[in-house]
């Protein structure tokens, strides 16, 4: 009788898994069949529940131009969800050397330096929970510098400024560079590169043999997804080397994987609850802004859900009043979201490639799958999957503005040659202003560049629409995500952007030469969708 009952329970569980898996695949395919709905080109999904793999599958097209279908071996960049993997190997190295998450890093590695106000107190828990108050300087690497030598970067970290009014260990400020710096320290004390540690301490033990630590390694397989944006209603490919920039900060976001490997990782997280008890739920820091790509406001949507705290590579929150931990990740090509529920014993991995709506789609799909795993009929269906946040919340209509209105080409500016020069920063390197072929002023910082427009009847206020290294070549891109605003005054250059949360950085004119009849400081503001691209935890 007991054997019969056991067989029955096993059979019920198998049927449950097959039913849920089939519904997940069908729902994802319905979205892919109508690209205008979710703007997804390819989707990969891995789901684990109660120790069973519910689904591990990839659907869609990885390369539209060459008509190449994605398959279960196709590699997707998992973006900032790589941070949790970096945290895992960090924990392993620390334990091997009899250190803890809370040991001051300067005692582990004396050459560790941040701002002198915090250096002696900072621990790995501080770095990986984004609670150091060090300003976020993503433009340093997203601008596409030719080199990003970590030995050089490590020595410059002490010069990064702190956020005014930020309280150490109390305030949250997401920072990719601090994961890079933390992993750099682990490399130094272990004597092994980060990529080797990821392979030896995570990929190999879990059998994640298809995963790659860097985009450059994924590209060698010739089975990776191409990034896309929409232009005049048609998907157009992003430059194929866009994600090379992510490799510069690989420890924070360059890992590429497959659904088969990611379900192994999900099972590992769910089965090793005691091992990671000190990572999750304890000593959390409040997140200033909800980290979920989309927030389910109470009283607005049929269910509630949010991510409001953070602790060591995971955002913490709830869905349908049940505790979850989750993290997202965005590269220039992919959008990823991972959700873990220890309470209900499930894990979900989703990644896709596509245009703007695709980023929200991984969150919407996560909610749909969570409902199935919880035994609830999903509140999202094929119609609301496309219309979200409507009918519950009206979608904001954004009117496109002429961002260069009131500005004229800088070739009309007299004495424009006086602006020409190289401007130096001790941490971030050089920017420059030169003359373009038509006599206009041309600004460049690493691979970000643009022709300057001067405000009418002034000589000290400029704007431009920049070329960005991850842009579609020769195609129109939303002006808002390319807008640079420049204003000049004396003795140097002050550079600020949305990527740096609006903080200012002073650049000094090379040789100390001053601009004739005017002061030589300018500020640069990158406005718009770049904030959405890099502010998320990916």
Protein backbone atom coordinates (compact mmCIF):
# COMPACT_ATOMS: atom_id res chain seq x y z
CA UNK A 1 0.00 0.00 0.00
CA UNK A 2 2.83 2.39 0.87
CA UNK A 3 4.55 1.60 -2.44
CA UNK A 4 1.32 2.29 -4.31
CA UNK A 5 0.91 5.59 -2.50
CA UNK A 6 4.52 6.52 -3.20
CA UNK A 7 4.10 5.66 -6.89
CA UNK A 8 0.93 7.75 -7.01
CA UNK A 9 2.64 10.75 -5.41
CA UNK A 10 5.59 10.50 -7.78
CA UNK A 11 3.21 10.25 -10.75
CA UNK A 12 1.24 13.29 -9.58
CA UNK A 13 4.46 15.27 -9.23
CA UNK A 14 5.64 14.24 -12.73
CA UNK A 15 2.30 15.27 -14.23
CA UNK A 16 2.43 18.56 -12.32
CA UNK A 17 5.91 19.30 -13.64
CA UNK A 18 4.97 18.42 -17.21
CA UNK A 19 1.79 20.49 -17.07
CA UNK A 20 3.54 23.56 -15.65
CA UNK A 21 6.45 23.19 -18.06
CA UNK A 22 4.12 22.93 -21.06
CA UNK A 23 2.19 26.03 -20.00
CA UNK A 24 5.40 28.02 -19.54
CA UNK A 25 6.70 27.07 -22.99
CA UNK A 26 3.35 27.78 -24.64
CA UNK A 27 3.07 31.20 -22.98
CA UNK A 28 6.60 32.24 -23.97
CA UNK A 29 6.08 31.09 -27.55
CA UNK A 30 2.88 33.12 -27.79
CA UNK A 31 4.85 36.25 -26.91
CA UNK A 32 7.58 35.43 -29.40
CA UNK A 33 5.06 34.87 -32.17
CA UNK A 34 3.95 38.49 -31.78
CA UNK A 35 7.22 40.42 -31.56
CA UNK A 36 5.39 43.73 -31.43
CA UNK A 37 3.83 42.53 -28.17
CA UNK A 38 6.96 42.11 -26.05
CA UNK A 39 9.74 43.07 -28.47
CA UNK A 40 11.57 39.82 -27.68
CA UNK A 41 13.67 38.00 -30.25
CA UNK A 42 14.82 35.04 -28.14
CA UNK A 43 14.00 33.79 -24.63
CA UNK A 44 15.71 31.24 -22.43
CA UNK A 45 14.07 29.85 -19.29
CA UNK A 46 15.07 27.52 -16.47
CA UNK A 47 12.71 26.58 -13.62
CA UNK A 48 13.28 24.33 -10.60
CA UNK A 49 10.60 23.38 -8.07
CA UNK A 50 10.81 20.98 -5.11
CA UNK A 51 14.08 19.58 -6.44
CA UNK A 52 12.70 18.92 -9.94
CA UNK A 53 13.60 20.64 -13.18
CA UNK A 54 10.30 21.95 -14.55
CA UNK A 55 11.73 23.38 -17.74
CA UNK A 56 15.12 24.28 -19.25
CA UNK A 57 14.58 25.55 -22.76
CA UNK A 58 15.52 28.28 -25.23
CA UNK A 59 13.15 29.60 -27.89
CA UNK A 60 13.32 32.19 -30.65
CA UNK A 61 16.03 33.43 -33.00
CA UNK A 62 19.58 34.20 -31.97
CA UNK A 63 20.56 35.85 -35.27
CA UNK A 64 17.80 37.23 -37.50
CA UNK A 65 20.07 38.26 -40.40
CA UNK A 66 21.51 34.78 -40.79
CA UNK A 67 18.25 33.03 -39.86
CA UNK A 68 19.87 31.14 -36.98
CA UNK A 69 17.48 29.69 -34.41
CA UNK A 70 18.41 29.72 -30.74
CA UNK A 71 18.76 26.34 -29.07
CA UNK A 72 19.31 25.02 -25.57
CA UNK A 73 23.09 25.46 -25.97
CA UNK A 74 22.85 29.12 -27.02
CA UNK A 75 24.70 31.38 -24.58
CA UNK A 76 22.95 34.39 -23.02
CA UNK A 77 24.74 37.08 -21.01
CA UNK A 78 23.30 37.03 -17.48
CA UNK A 79 24.48 40.55 -16.61
CA UNK A 80 24.50 41.56 -12.96
CA UNK A 81 23.14 38.21 -11.81
CA UNK A 82 26.84 37.31 -12.20
CA UNK A 83 27.40 39.20 -8.96
CA UNK A 84 25.93 36.41 -6.85
CA UNK A 85 28.39 33.98 -8.45
CA UNK A 86 31.27 36.31 -7.65
CA UNK A 87 29.96 36.46 -4.06
CA UNK A 88 29.90 32.65 -3.83
CA UNK A 89 33.54 32.22 -4.84
CA UNK A 90 34.49 35.14 -2.58
CA UNK A 91 32.89 33.35 0.37
CA UNK A 92 34.73 30.13 -0.48
CA UNK A 93 38.13 31.86 -0.68
CA UNK A 94 37.51 33.75 2.57
CA UNK A 95 36.57 30.56 4.41
CA UNK A 96 39.67 28.77 3.12
CA UNK A 97 41.76 31.58 4.63
CA UNK A 98 39.76 31.73 7.90
CA UNK A 99 38.19 35.12 7.20
CA UNK A 100 34.54 36.14 7.31
CA UNK A 101 32.27 38.49 5.37
CA UNK A 102 32.81 41.08 8.10
CA UNK A 103 36.60 41.01 8.36
CA UNK A 104 37.92 44.43 7.29
CA UNK A 105 39.40 43.98 3.82
CA UNK A 106 42.45 46.07 4.71
CA UNK A 107 43.39 43.36 7.23
CA UNK A 108 43.12 40.72 4.51
CA UNK A 109 44.85 42.73 1.80
CA UNK A 110 46.79 45.77 3.12
CA UNK A 111 46.90 47.43 -0.31
CA UNK A 112 43.10 47.73 -0.35
CA UNK A 113 42.25 51.42 -0.51
CA UNK A 114 39.01 53.35 -0.83
CA UNK A 115 38.28 56.84 0.45
CA UNK A 116 40.32 57.30 3.62
CA UNK A 117 37.15 57.93 5.64
CA UNK A 118 36.02 54.32 5.22
CA UNK A 119 39.01 52.20 4.10
CA UNK A 120 39.78 50.66 7.49
CA UNK A 121 36.14 49.67 8.10
CA UNK A 122 35.03 48.27 4.73
CA UNK A 123 34.27 44.53 4.59
CA UNK A 124 33.22 42.31 1.69
CA UNK A 125 29.70 42.42 3.07
CA UNK A 126 29.83 46.20 2.67
CA UNK A 127 31.18 46.03 -0.88
CA UNK A 128 28.71 43.40 -2.05
CA UNK A 129 25.68 44.96 -0.33
CA UNK A 130 26.29 48.37 -1.96
CA UNK A 131 26.47 50.19 1.37
CA UNK A 132 29.86 51.94 1.20
CA UNK A 133 28.59 55.33 -0.10
CA UNK A 134 31.25 55.30 -2.84
CA UNK A 135 29.89 57.11 -5.89
CA UNK A 136 28.89 55.06 -8.90
CA UNK A 137 31.22 55.77 -11.82
CA UNK A 138 29.95 53.48 -14.55
CA UNK A 139 30.78 55.97 -17.30
CA UNK A 140 34.44 55.09 -16.64
CA UNK A 141 33.92 51.76 -18.37
CA UNK A 142 30.66 52.14 -20.34
CA UNK A 143 32.35 54.83 -22.41
CA UNK A 144 34.48 52.05 -23.90
CA UNK A 145 38.08 52.79 -22.84
CA UNK A 146 40.78 50.99 -24.80
CA UNK A 147 42.25 49.49 -21.64
CA UNK A 148 40.91 48.80 -18.16
CA UNK A 149 43.87 47.21 -16.39
CA UNK A 150 42.68 46.11 -12.95
CA UNK A 151 46.07 46.75 -11.35
CA UNK A 152 45.76 50.36 -12.48
CA UNK A 153 42.06 50.55 -11.60
CA UNK A 154 42.76 49.13 -8.14
CA UNK A 155 45.26 51.89 -7.39
CA UNK A 156 42.77 54.55 -8.48
CA UNK A 157 39.84 53.33 -6.37
CA UNK A 158 41.00 55.42 -3.41
CA UNK A 159 40.30 58.55 -5.46
CA UNK A 160 36.61 57.77 -5.98
CA UNK A 161 34.55 60.20 -3.96
CA UNK A 162 31.83 59.48 -1.40
CA UNK A 163 28.22 60.58 -1.80
CA UNK A 164 27.42 63.72 0.14
CA UNK A 165 25.04 62.97 3.01
CA UNK A 166 25.29 59.19 2.56
CA UNK A 167 25.58 57.16 5.79
CA UNK A 168 28.03 54.24 5.70
CA UNK A 169 26.29 50.86 6.13
CA UNK A 170 22.88 52.55 6.25
CA UNK A 171 22.35 53.91 2.74
CA UNK A 172 22.15 51.91 -0.48
CA UNK A 173 24.10 52.94 -3.57
CA UNK A 174 24.49 50.35 -6.33
CA UNK A 175 28.07 50.12 -7.55
CA UNK A 176 29.44 47.77 -10.21
CA UNK A 177 33.05 48.84 -9.71
CA UNK A 178 33.12 47.68 -6.10
CA UNK A 179 32.35 44.12 -7.20
CA UNK A 180 35.24 44.40 -9.63
CA UNK A 181 37.48 45.67 -6.83
CA UNK A 182 36.33 42.96 -4.42
CA UNK A 183 37.05 40.23 -6.96
CA UNK A 184 40.42 41.85 -7.66
CA UNK A 185 41.31 41.48 -3.97
CA UNK A 186 40.24 37.82 -4.06
CA UNK A 187 42.49 37.31 -7.08
CA UNK A 188 45.43 38.79 -5.19
CA UNK A 189 45.02 36.78 -2.00
CA UNK A 190 44.23 33.49 -3.80
CA UNK A 191 46.81 33.90 -6.56
CA UNK A 192 44.23 32.94 -9.19
CA UNK A 193 42.30 35.00 -11.75
CA UNK A 194 38.58 35.53 -11.15
CA UNK A 195 37.64 33.50 -14.25
CA UNK A 196 39.69 30.53 -13.00
CA UNK A 197 38.08 30.74 -9.56
CA UNK A 198 34.58 30.82 -11.11
CA UNK A 199 35.46 27.76 -13.16
CA UNK A 200 37.10 25.78 -10.36
CA UNK A 201 34.84 26.68 -7.44
CA UNK A 202 31.45 26.97 -9.14
CA UNK A 203 31.16 25.81 -12.74
CA UNK A 204 33.13 22.57 -12.40
CA UNK A 205 31.58 21.34 -9.10
CA UNK A 206 28.05 22.04 -10.39
CA UNK A 207 28.69 20.63 -13.84
CA UNK A 208 28.04 24.00 -15.49
CA UNK A 209 30.32 23.10 -18.37
CA UNK A 210 28.58 25.22 -21.00
CA UNK A 211 28.92 28.51 -19.08
CA UNK A 212 31.58 31.07 -19.87
CA UNK A 213 32.99 33.80 -17.60
CA UNK A 214 33.39 36.38 -20.38
CA UNK A 215 31.61 37.43 -23.58
CA UNK A 216 34.84 36.90 -25.52
CA UNK A 217 34.74 33.24 -24.49
CA UNK A 218 31.07 32.91 -25.37
CA UNK A 219 31.74 34.37 -28.81
CA UNK A 220 34.27 31.64 -29.55
CA UNK A 221 31.48 29.05 -29.40
CA UNK A 222 29.66 30.71 -32.32
CA UNK A 223 26.38 30.08 -30.48
CA UNK A 224 25.45 33.30 -28.69
CA UNK A 225 22.56 35.74 -29.01
CA UNK A 226 22.82 38.92 -31.03
CA UNK A 227 21.43 42.10 -29.47
CA UNK A 228 18.63 44.04 -31.20
CA UNK A 229 16.84 47.35 -31.16
CA UNK A 230 13.78 48.41 -33.16
CA UNK A 231 14.13 50.94 -35.97
CA UNK A 232 11.08 51.93 -38.00
CA UNK A 233 9.25 48.83 -36.77
CA UNK A 234 12.03 46.40 -37.73
CA UNK A 235 14.56 44.66 -35.46
CA UNK A 236 18.08 45.80 -36.28
CA UNK A 237 21.23 44.24 -34.79
CA UNK A 238 23.39 46.06 -32.29
CA UNK A 239 27.14 46.07 -33.01
CA UNK A 240 28.26 42.47 -32.47
CA UNK A 241 31.03 43.54 -30.15
CA UNK A 242 28.78 45.64 -27.88
CA UNK A 243 29.17 43.27 -24.95
CA UNK A 244 32.97 43.49 -25.13
CA UNK A 245 32.51 46.51 -22.87
CA UNK A 246 30.87 44.30 -20.22
CA UNK A 247 34.05 42.19 -20.13
CA UNK A 248 35.87 45.21 -18.69
CA UNK A 249 33.89 44.68 -15.48
CA UNK A 250 33.32 40.96 -15.93
CA UNK A 251 33.28 40.23 -12.20
CA UNK A 252 30.12 42.34 -11.96
CA UNK A 253 28.28 41.12 -15.02
CA UNK A 254 29.93 39.24 -17.91
CA UNK A 255 29.02 35.58 -17.28
CA UNK A 256 27.19 33.80 -20.12
CA UNK A 257 25.18 30.65 -19.60
CA UNK A 258 22.51 28.26 -20.85
CA UNK A 259 19.22 27.10 -19.29
CA UNK A 260 20.67 23.65 -18.60
CA UNK A 261 23.52 25.12 -16.58
CA UNK A 262 21.34 27.68 -14.83
CA UNK A 263 18.91 25.09 -13.44
CA UNK A 264 21.93 23.40 -11.85
CA UNK A 265 22.80 26.74 -10.28
CA UNK A 266 19.22 27.25 -9.05
CA UNK A 267 19.18 23.80 -7.45
CA UNK A 268 22.50 24.58 -5.78
CA UNK A 269 21.11 27.78 -4.25
CA UNK A 270 17.97 26.03 -3.01
CA UNK A 271 19.77 22.98 -1.63
CA UNK A 272 22.47 24.92 0.23
CA UNK A 273 20.31 27.04 2.50
CA UNK A 274 22.55 26.75 5.55
CA UNK A 275 25.69 27.57 3.57
CA UNK A 276 24.21 30.89 2.50
CA UNK A 277 22.29 31.75 5.64
CA UNK A 278 24.68 34.61 6.42
CA UNK A 279 24.19 36.07 2.94
CA UNK A 280 20.44 36.37 2.76
CA UNK A 281 17.91 38.24 4.87
CA UNK A 282 20.36 39.35 7.56
CA UNK A 283 21.88 42.82 7.95
CA UNK A 284 19.99 44.09 4.94
CA UNK A 285 20.05 47.66 3.76
CA UNK A 286 16.94 49.51 2.60
CA UNK A 287 16.85 50.18 -1.13
CA UNK A 288 16.09 53.79 -1.95
CA UNK A 289 14.24 52.86 -5.13
CA UNK A 290 12.53 49.51 -5.71
CA UNK A 291 14.92 47.27 -7.65
CA UNK A 292 12.29 45.26 -9.48
CA UNK A 293 12.08 46.17 -13.18
CA UNK A 294 8.35 46.63 -12.55
CA UNK A 295 6.71 47.20 -9.17
CA UNK A 296 3.29 45.76 -8.27
CA UNK A 297 1.73 48.59 -6.27
CA UNK A 298 -0.73 47.58 -3.57
CA UNK A 299 -4.30 48.40 -4.50
CA UNK A 300 -3.42 48.90 -8.17
CA UNK A 301 -2.62 45.40 -9.42
CA UNK A 302 -4.37 42.10 -8.59
CA UNK A 303 -1.37 40.99 -6.49
CA UNK A 304 1.47 42.77 -4.71
CA UNK A 305 5.19 42.36 -5.14
CA UNK A 306 8.31 44.39 -4.49
CA UNK A 307 12.02 44.26 -3.82
CA UNK A 308 12.90 46.66 -1.04
CA UNK A 309 16.07 45.43 0.69
CA UNK A 310 19.51 44.22 -0.35
CA UNK A 311 22.13 41.90 1.08
CA UNK A 312 25.23 40.51 -0.65
CA UNK A 313 24.29 40.26 -4.33
CA UNK A 314 20.55 39.75 -3.85
CA UNK A 315 17.57 42.06 -3.62
CA UNK A 316 15.06 40.89 -1.02
CA UNK A 317 11.31 41.28 -1.06
CA UNK A 318 8.02 39.51 -1.55
CA UNK A 319 5.50 38.23 -4.09
CA UNK A 320 1.93 37.41 -3.03
CA UNK A 321 3.16 38.02 0.54
CA UNK A 322 5.75 35.25 0.28
CA UNK A 323 9.45 36.06 0.79
CA UNK A 324 11.67 35.98 -2.27
CA UNK A 325 15.16 37.02 -3.24
CA UNK A 326 15.83 38.16 -6.76
CA UNK A 327 18.22 40.02 -9.00
CA UNK A 328 18.17 41.33 -12.52
CA UNK A 329 20.93 41.91 -15.01
CA UNK A 330 21.21 43.87 -18.23
CA UNK A 331 23.99 43.77 -20.78
CA UNK A 332 23.92 45.68 -24.05
CA UNK A 333 22.37 42.54 -25.57
CA UNK A 334 20.30 40.70 -22.96
CA UNK A 335 17.91 41.17 -20.04
CA UNK A 336 17.98 38.64 -17.21
CA UNK A 337 15.97 38.02 -14.03
CA UNK A 338 16.51 35.33 -11.38
CA UNK A 339 14.08 34.66 -8.54
CA UNK A 340 14.48 32.31 -5.59
CA UNK A 341 11.83 31.35 -3.03
CA UNK A 342 13.21 29.35 -0.15
CA UNK A 343 9.77 29.42 1.45
CA UNK A 344 8.12 27.63 -1.48
CA UNK A 345 11.25 25.87 -2.77
CA UNK A 346 11.44 27.18 -6.33
CA UNK A 347 13.91 29.01 -8.54
CA UNK A 348 13.33 30.80 -11.84
CA UNK A 349 15.87 31.95 -14.44
CA UNK A 350 14.82 34.04 -17.43
CA UNK A 351 16.86 35.86 -20.02
CA UNK A 352 15.97 37.38 -23.36
CA UNK A 353 17.21 39.59 -26.15
CA UNK A 354 15.19 42.29 -27.81
CA UNK A 355 14.24 45.96 -27.59
CA UNK A 356 12.83 48.17 -24.80
CA UNK A 357 9.79 46.10 -23.77
CA UNK A 358 11.92 42.97 -23.51
CA UNK A 359 13.41 44.16 -20.23
CA UNK A 360 9.98 44.24 -18.59
CA UNK A 361 9.03 40.93 -20.22
CA UNK A 362 11.42 38.87 -18.06
CA UNK A 363 9.69 40.24 -14.96
CA UNK A 364 6.20 39.61 -16.38
CA UNK A 365 7.14 36.04 -17.30
CA UNK A 366 8.53 35.53 -13.79
CA UNK A 367 5.17 36.48 -12.25
CA UNK A 368 3.33 34.15 -14.61
CA UNK A 369 5.62 31.26 -13.68
CA UNK A 370 5.47 32.05 -9.96
CA UNK A 371 1.68 31.79 -10.05
CA UNK A 372 1.86 28.37 -11.71
CA UNK A 373 4.36 27.14 -9.12
CA UNK A 374 2.18 28.45 -6.30
CA UNK A 375 -0.87 26.66 -7.67
CA UNK A 376 -2.57 29.93 -8.63
CA UNK A 377 -4.19 30.76 -11.93
CA UNK A 378 -1.91 33.49 -13.40
CA UNK A 379 -3.36 36.98 -13.28
CA UNK A 380 -1.48 37.77 -16.50
CA UNK A 381 -2.75 36.36 -19.79
CA UNK A 382 -1.77 36.69 -23.44
CA UNK A 383 -3.62 40.01 -23.70
CA UNK A 384 -2.41 41.70 -20.51
CA UNK A 385 1.11 40.36 -21.13
CA UNK A 386 1.17 42.74 -24.11
CA UNK A 387 -0.81 45.63 -22.63
CA UNK A 388 0.85 45.74 -19.19
CA UNK A 389 0.62 47.90 -17.06
CA UNK A 390 -2.80 48.50 -18.59
CA UNK A 391 -5.66 47.89 -17.84
CA UNK A 392 -4.64 48.36 -14.19
CA UNK A 393 -2.43 51.40 -14.62
CA UNK A 394 -2.38 53.85 -17.50
CA UNK A 395 0.86 53.87 -19.43
CA UNK A 396 2.63 57.19 -19.56
CA UNK A 397 2.91 58.73 -22.99
CA UNK A 398 6.30 60.24 -23.64
CA UNK A 399 6.42 63.03 -26.18
CA UNK A 400 9.65 63.31 -28.10
CA UNK A 401 11.17 66.78 -27.89
CA UNK A 402 13.63 68.56 -30.12
CA UNK A 403 16.51 68.52 -27.66
CA UNK A 404 18.61 70.79 -29.86
CA UNK A 405 15.95 73.49 -30.11
CA UNK A 406 17.56 76.87 -29.50
CA UNK A 407 21.04 75.55 -30.35
CA UNK A 408 23.05 76.04 -33.56
CA UNK A 409 25.98 74.13 -35.00
CA UNK A 410 29.24 75.19 -33.32
CA UNK A 411 30.88 75.94 -36.67
CA UNK A 412 29.12 79.32 -36.37
CA UNK A 413 31.03 80.07 -33.18
CA UNK A 414 33.88 82.59 -33.44
CA UNK A 415 37.20 81.76 -31.75
CA UNK A 416 36.14 78.12 -31.55
CA UNK A 417 39.76 77.00 -31.89
CA UNK A 418 40.33 78.33 -28.37
CA UNK A 419 38.28 75.43 -27.02
CA UNK A 420 40.46 72.81 -28.68
CA UNK A 421 42.52 70.73 -26.29
CA UNK A 422 42.95 67.66 -24.12
CA UNK A 423 41.37 67.59 -20.67
CA UNK A 424 42.81 65.24 -18.03
CA UNK A 425 41.31 63.45 -15.04
CA UNK A 426 43.54 61.54 -12.57
CA UNK A 427 41.17 58.56 -12.44
CA UNK A 428 39.17 58.45 -15.66
CA UNK A 429 41.73 59.55 -18.21
CA UNK A 430 41.40 62.12 -20.98
CA UNK A 431 38.62 63.77 -22.92
CA UNK A 432 39.18 66.11 -25.83
CA UNK A 433 37.67 68.81 -28.00
CA UNK A 434 38.81 69.04 -31.61
CA UNK A 435 37.58 70.54 -34.87
CA UNK A 436 35.36 68.38 -37.08
CA UNK A 437 35.64 68.32 -40.87
CA UNK A 438 33.07 71.10 -41.26
CA UNK A 439 34.75 73.30 -38.68
CA UNK A 440 32.45 72.35 -35.80
CA UNK A 441 33.70 71.53 -32.31
CA UNK A 442 33.87 67.79 -31.71
CA UNK A 443 33.82 66.25 -28.20
CA UNK A 444 35.25 62.82 -27.35
CA UNK A 445 35.60 60.75 -24.18
CA UNK A 446 36.83 57.23 -24.94
CA UNK A 447 34.30 55.93 -27.51
CA UNK A 448 31.59 58.49 -26.69
CA UNK A 449 31.75 61.33 -29.21
CA UNK A 450 29.60 64.03 -30.79
CA UNK A 451 29.51 67.30 -32.72
CA UNK A 452 28.76 70.22 -30.41
CA UNK A 453 25.89 72.69 -30.82
CA UNK A 454 26.08 76.06 -29.09
CA UNK A 455 23.12 77.79 -27.48
CA UNK A 456 22.03 80.81 -29.48
CA UNK A 457 23.38 84.16 -28.26
CA UNK A 458 25.77 82.48 -25.81
CA UNK A 459 29.32 81.15 -25.94
CA UNK A 460 29.37 78.84 -22.94
CA UNK A 461 26.45 76.42 -23.22
CA UNK A 462 26.56 73.43 -25.57
CA UNK A 463 24.59 70.30 -26.39
CA UNK A 464 25.14 67.34 -28.65
CA UNK A 465 23.63 63.98 -29.57
CA UNK A 466 26.41 61.52 -28.87
CA UNK A 467 27.44 58.37 -30.62
CA UNK A 468 27.54 55.65 -27.97
CA UNK A 469 29.65 52.50 -28.37
CA UNK A 470 26.64 50.18 -28.01
CA UNK A 471 24.49 52.10 -30.52
CA UNK A 472 23.21 50.67 -33.77
CA UNK A 473 25.60 51.94 -36.42
CA UNK A 474 24.17 54.61 -38.74
CA UNK A 475 20.66 54.35 -37.33
CA UNK A 476 18.57 56.91 -35.54
CA UNK A 477 18.44 56.27 -31.80
CA UNK A 478 16.22 58.10 -29.32
CA UNK A 479 17.73 61.58 -28.86
CA UNK A 480 17.00 61.48 -25.14
CA UNK A 481 19.37 58.57 -24.60
CA UNK A 482 22.12 60.37 -26.50
CA UNK A 483 21.81 63.92 -25.18
CA UNK A 484 24.90 65.56 -23.74
CA UNK A 485 24.73 69.00 -22.16
CA UNK A 486 27.93 71.01 -21.83
CA UNK A 487 28.61 74.31 -20.09
CA UNK A 488 31.98 76.00 -19.76
CA UNK A 489 33.85 78.10 -17.21
CA UNK A 490 37.46 78.56 -16.00
CA UNK A 491 40.51 76.33 -15.12
CA UNK A 492 39.27 72.82 -15.93
CA UNK A 493 36.44 70.51 -16.94
CA UNK A 494 33.65 69.26 -14.72
CA UNK A 495 32.10 66.10 -16.14
CA UNK A 496 28.83 64.72 -14.79
CA UNK A 497 26.26 62.30 -16.17
CA UNK A 498 23.27 60.17 -15.34
CA UNK A 499 25.67 57.23 -15.27
CA UNK A 500 27.36 58.90 -12.30
CA UNK A 501 24.02 59.82 -10.70
CA UNK A 502 24.68 63.44 -11.68
CA UNK A 503 27.89 63.73 -9.62
CA UNK A 504 30.63 66.05 -10.87
CA UNK A 505 34.19 65.19 -11.90
CA UNK A 506 36.83 67.76 -12.66
CA UNK A 507 39.06 67.47 -15.72
CA UNK A 508 42.04 69.83 -16.09
CA UNK A 509 43.12 71.20 -19.44
CA UNK A 510 46.39 69.53 -20.43
CA UNK A 511 49.34 71.85 -19.92
CA UNK A 512 47.26 74.20 -17.81
CA UNK A 513 46.39 76.40 -20.83
CA UNK A 514 43.24 78.47 -20.35
CA UNK A 515 40.59 79.02 -22.96
CA UNK A 516 40.82 82.56 -24.35
CA UNK A 517 38.28 85.06 -22.99
CA UNK A 518 36.48 82.44 -21.03
CA UNK A 519 36.80 79.93 -18.22
CA UNK A 520 37.34 76.30 -19.17
CA UNK A 521 35.17 74.13 -16.99
CA UNK A 522 32.29 72.23 -18.54
CA UNK A 523 29.71 69.84 -17.22
CA UNK A 524 28.28 67.01 -19.23
CA UNK A 525 24.96 65.36 -18.55
CA UNK A 526 23.86 62.16 -20.22
CA UNK A 527 20.10 61.98 -19.86
CA UNK A 528 17.45 59.36 -20.50
CA UNK A 529 17.42 55.63 -21.04
CA UNK A 530 21.06 55.17 -20.06
CA UNK A 531 19.83 55.54 -16.47
CA UNK A 532 17.45 52.62 -17.02
CA UNK A 533 20.22 50.59 -18.68
CA UNK A 534 22.79 50.79 -15.89
CA UNK A 535 20.89 51.71 -12.74
CA UNK A 536 19.31 48.28 -12.54
CA UNK A 537 21.34 45.54 -10.94
CA UNK A 538 21.64 44.59 -13.14
